[in-house]
């Protein structure tokens, strides 16, 4: 998808430098992927410990051993 955005030049140069990306497009794509990954992880973390139907680590260990 093509789009036009106004990114501050100093920010883009810093992003290019620290990321090691070869192009501005690569910087933007990597930043978007990272943003989405972080948001998904935060969403999963909000649900941690909310499911009572999961087995414990000990129960899983016993199932794997065939006891």
N, C-alpha and C. Protein backbone atom coordinates (compact mmCIF):
# COMPACT_ATOMS: atom_id res chain seq x y z
N UNK A 1 0.85 -1.17 0.00
CA UNK A 1 0.00 0.00 0.00
C UNK A 1 0.90 1.23 0.00
N UNK A 2 0.63 2.13 -0.86
CA UNK A 2 1.39 3.38 -0.90
C UNK A 2 0.68 4.42 -0.06
N UNK A 3 1.48 5.18 0.68
CA UNK A 3 0.93 6.26 1.48
C UNK A 3 2.00 7.33 1.65
N UNK A 4 1.58 8.52 1.92
CA UNK A 4 2.51 9.61 2.15
C UNK A 4 2.37 10.08 3.59
N UNK A 5 3.50 10.08 4.30
CA UNK A 5 3.49 10.56 5.68
C UNK A 5 4.66 11.49 5.89
N UNK A 6 4.51 12.41 6.82
CA UNK A 6 5.57 13.36 7.14
C UNK A 6 6.27 12.90 8.41
N UNK A 7 7.47 12.34 8.24
CA UNK A 7 8.26 11.86 9.37
C UNK A 7 9.42 12.83 9.58
N UNK A 8 9.62 13.28 10.81
CA UNK A 8 10.75 14.18 11.06
C UNK A 8 12.07 13.55 10.59
N UNK A 9 12.83 14.29 9.84
CA UNK A 9 14.07 13.78 9.22
C UNK A 9 15.05 13.26 10.27
N UNK A 10 15.20 13.97 11.39
CA UNK A 10 16.16 13.53 12.41
C UNK A 10 15.73 12.19 13.03
N UNK A 11 14.43 11.99 13.19
CA UNK A 11 13.93 10.74 13.73
C UNK A 11 14.18 9.59 12.75
N UNK A 12 13.93 9.84 11.48
CA UNK A 12 14.17 8.81 10.46
C UNK A 12 15.65 8.46 10.39
N UNK A 13 16.51 9.45 10.44
CA UNK A 13 17.95 9.19 10.39
C UNK A 13 18.40 8.37 11.60
N UNK A 14 17.87 8.71 12.78
CA UNK A 14 18.19 7.93 13.98
C UNK A 14 17.71 6.49 13.83
N UNK A 15 16.50 6.32 13.32
CA UNK A 15 15.94 4.99 13.13
C UNK A 15 16.77 4.17 12.14
N UNK A 16 17.18 4.80 11.06
CA UNK A 16 18.03 4.12 10.08
C UNK A 16 19.35 3.69 10.73
N UNK A 17 19.92 4.57 11.51
CA UNK A 17 21.22 4.30 12.13
C UNK A 17 21.13 3.16 13.14
N UNK A 18 20.17 3.23 14.06
CA UNK A 18 20.11 2.23 15.12
C UNK A 18 19.54 0.90 14.66
N UNK A 19 18.72 0.89 13.63
CA UNK A 19 18.11 -0.35 13.17
C UNK A 19 19.00 -1.14 12.22
N UNK A 20 19.89 -0.44 11.54
CA UNK A 20 20.69 -1.10 10.53
C UNK A 20 19.93 -1.37 9.25
N UNK A 21 18.74 -0.80 9.15
CA UNK A 21 17.92 -0.98 7.95
C UNK A 21 18.60 -0.32 6.76
N UNK A 22 18.31 -0.84 5.58
CA UNK A 22 18.92 -0.31 4.36
C UNK A 22 18.06 0.74 3.67
N UNK A 23 16.82 0.87 4.11
CA UNK A 23 15.94 1.84 3.45
C UNK A 23 14.94 2.39 4.45
N UNK A 24 14.34 3.51 4.08
CA UNK A 24 13.29 4.10 4.92
C UNK A 24 12.10 3.16 5.01
N UNK A 25 11.77 2.53 3.89
CA UNK A 25 10.66 1.58 3.88
C UNK A 25 10.90 0.46 4.88
N UNK A 26 12.11 -0.07 4.91
CA UNK A 26 12.45 -1.14 5.84
C UNK A 26 12.31 -0.67 7.29
N UNK A 27 12.71 0.55 7.57
CA UNK A 27 12.57 1.10 8.92
C UNK A 27 11.09 1.15 9.31
N UNK A 28 10.26 1.66 8.43
CA UNK A 28 8.83 1.80 8.73
C UNK A 28 8.17 0.44 8.90
N UNK A 29 8.46 -0.49 8.02
CA UNK A 29 7.86 -1.83 8.10
C UNK A 29 8.30 -2.51 9.40
N UNK A 30 9.58 -2.44 9.73
CA UNK A 30 10.07 -3.05 10.97
C UNK A 30 9.43 -2.40 12.20
N UNK A 31 9.28 -1.10 12.17
CA UNK A 31 8.67 -0.40 13.30
C UNK A 31 7.20 -0.82 13.46
N UNK A 32 6.48 -0.94 12.37
CA UNK A 32 5.08 -1.36 12.44
C UNK A 32 4.96 -2.80 12.95
N UNK A 33 5.82 -3.68 12.46
CA UNK A 33 5.80 -5.07 12.94
C UNK A 33 6.08 -5.13 14.44
N UNK A 34 7.07 -4.37 14.88
CA UNK A 34 7.41 -4.35 16.29
C UNK A 34 6.26 -3.80 17.12
N UNK A 35 5.62 -2.75 16.65
CA UNK A 35 4.49 -2.15 17.35
C UNK A 35 3.35 -3.16 17.51
N UNK A 36 3.01 -3.84 16.42
CA UNK A 36 1.92 -4.82 16.45
C UNK A 36 2.28 -5.97 17.38
N UNK A 37 3.52 -6.45 17.32
CA UNK A 37 3.96 -7.55 18.19
C UNK A 37 3.86 -7.15 19.65
N UNK A 38 4.28 -5.95 19.99
CA UNK A 38 4.21 -5.48 21.38
C UNK A 38 2.76 -5.35 21.86
N UNK A 39 1.89 -4.85 21.01
CA UNK A 39 0.48 -4.71 21.38
C UNK A 39 -0.15 -6.08 21.59
N UNK A 40 0.17 -7.05 20.72
CA UNK A 40 -0.38 -8.40 20.88
C UNK A 40 0.12 -9.04 22.16
N UNK A 41 1.40 -8.85 22.46
CA UNK A 41 1.95 -9.41 23.70
C UNK A 41 1.30 -8.77 24.93
N UNK A 42 1.05 -7.47 24.87
CA UNK A 42 0.39 -6.79 25.99
C UNK A 42 -1.02 -7.32 26.17
N UNK A 43 -1.71 -7.58 25.07
CA UNK A 43 -3.07 -8.13 25.14
C UNK A 43 -3.05 -9.52 25.76
N UNK A 44 -2.10 -10.34 25.37
CA UNK A 44 -1.98 -11.67 25.97
C UNK A 44 -1.67 -11.58 27.45
N UNK A 45 -0.80 -10.67 27.83
CA UNK A 45 -0.41 -10.51 29.23
C UNK A 45 -1.61 -10.11 30.08
N UNK A 46 -2.53 -9.34 29.53
CA UNK A 46 -3.73 -8.94 30.27
C UNK A 46 -4.60 -10.15 30.62
N UNK A 47 -4.49 -11.20 29.81
CA UNK A 47 -5.31 -12.39 30.03
C UNK A 47 -4.60 -13.45 30.88
N UNK A 48 -3.37 -13.20 31.25
CA UNK A 48 -2.60 -14.18 32.02
C UNK A 48 -3.31 -14.49 33.33
N UNK A 49 -3.46 -15.77 33.61
CA UNK A 49 -4.06 -16.21 34.86
C UNK A 49 -5.57 -16.11 34.91
N UNK A 50 -6.22 -15.86 33.78
CA UNK A 50 -7.68 -15.69 33.79
C UNK A 50 -8.44 -16.94 33.38
N UNK A 51 -7.72 -18.01 33.03
CA UNK A 51 -8.39 -19.23 32.59
C UNK A 51 -8.21 -20.31 33.66
N UNK A 52 -9.31 -20.72 34.26
CA UNK A 52 -9.26 -21.72 35.32
C UNK A 52 -9.21 -23.15 34.79
N UNK A 53 -9.42 -23.34 33.49
CA UNK A 53 -9.49 -24.68 32.92
C UNK A 53 -8.14 -25.26 32.51
N UNK A 54 -7.06 -24.51 32.66
CA UNK A 54 -5.75 -25.00 32.25
C UNK A 54 -5.16 -25.90 33.32
N UNK A 55 -4.35 -26.87 32.87
CA UNK A 55 -3.72 -27.77 33.83
C UNK A 55 -2.42 -27.13 34.33
N UNK A 56 -1.98 -27.61 35.48
CA UNK A 56 -0.75 -27.08 36.06
C UNK A 56 0.45 -27.74 35.39
N UNK A 57 1.63 -27.18 35.63
CA UNK A 57 2.86 -27.76 35.09
C UNK A 57 3.06 -29.17 35.64
N UNK A 58 2.73 -29.38 36.90
CA UNK A 58 2.88 -30.71 37.50
C UNK A 58 1.92 -31.72 36.85
N UNK A 59 0.69 -31.31 36.61
CA UNK A 59 -0.27 -32.20 35.94
C UNK A 59 0.21 -32.56 34.53
N UNK A 60 0.77 -31.61 33.83
CA UNK A 60 1.30 -31.86 32.49
C UNK A 60 2.47 -32.84 32.55
N UNK A 61 3.35 -32.64 33.51
CA UNK A 61 4.49 -33.53 33.70
C UNK A 61 4.01 -34.97 33.94
N UNK A 62 3.00 -35.12 34.78
CA UNK A 62 2.47 -36.46 35.07
C UNK A 62 1.84 -37.10 33.83
N UNK A 63 1.13 -36.29 33.04
CA UNK A 63 0.54 -36.82 31.80
C UNK A 63 1.62 -37.28 30.84
N UNK A 64 2.69 -36.53 30.76
CA UNK A 64 3.78 -36.90 29.84
C UNK A 64 4.50 -38.15 30.28
N UNK A 65 4.56 -38.38 31.59
CA UNK A 65 5.24 -39.58 32.12
C UNK A 65 4.33 -40.80 32.09
N UNK A 66 3.04 -40.60 31.84
CA UNK A 66 2.11 -41.71 31.74
C UNK A 66 1.60 -42.19 33.08
N UNK A 67 1.77 -41.40 34.13
CA UNK A 67 1.29 -41.79 35.48
C UNK A 67 -0.19 -41.59 35.62
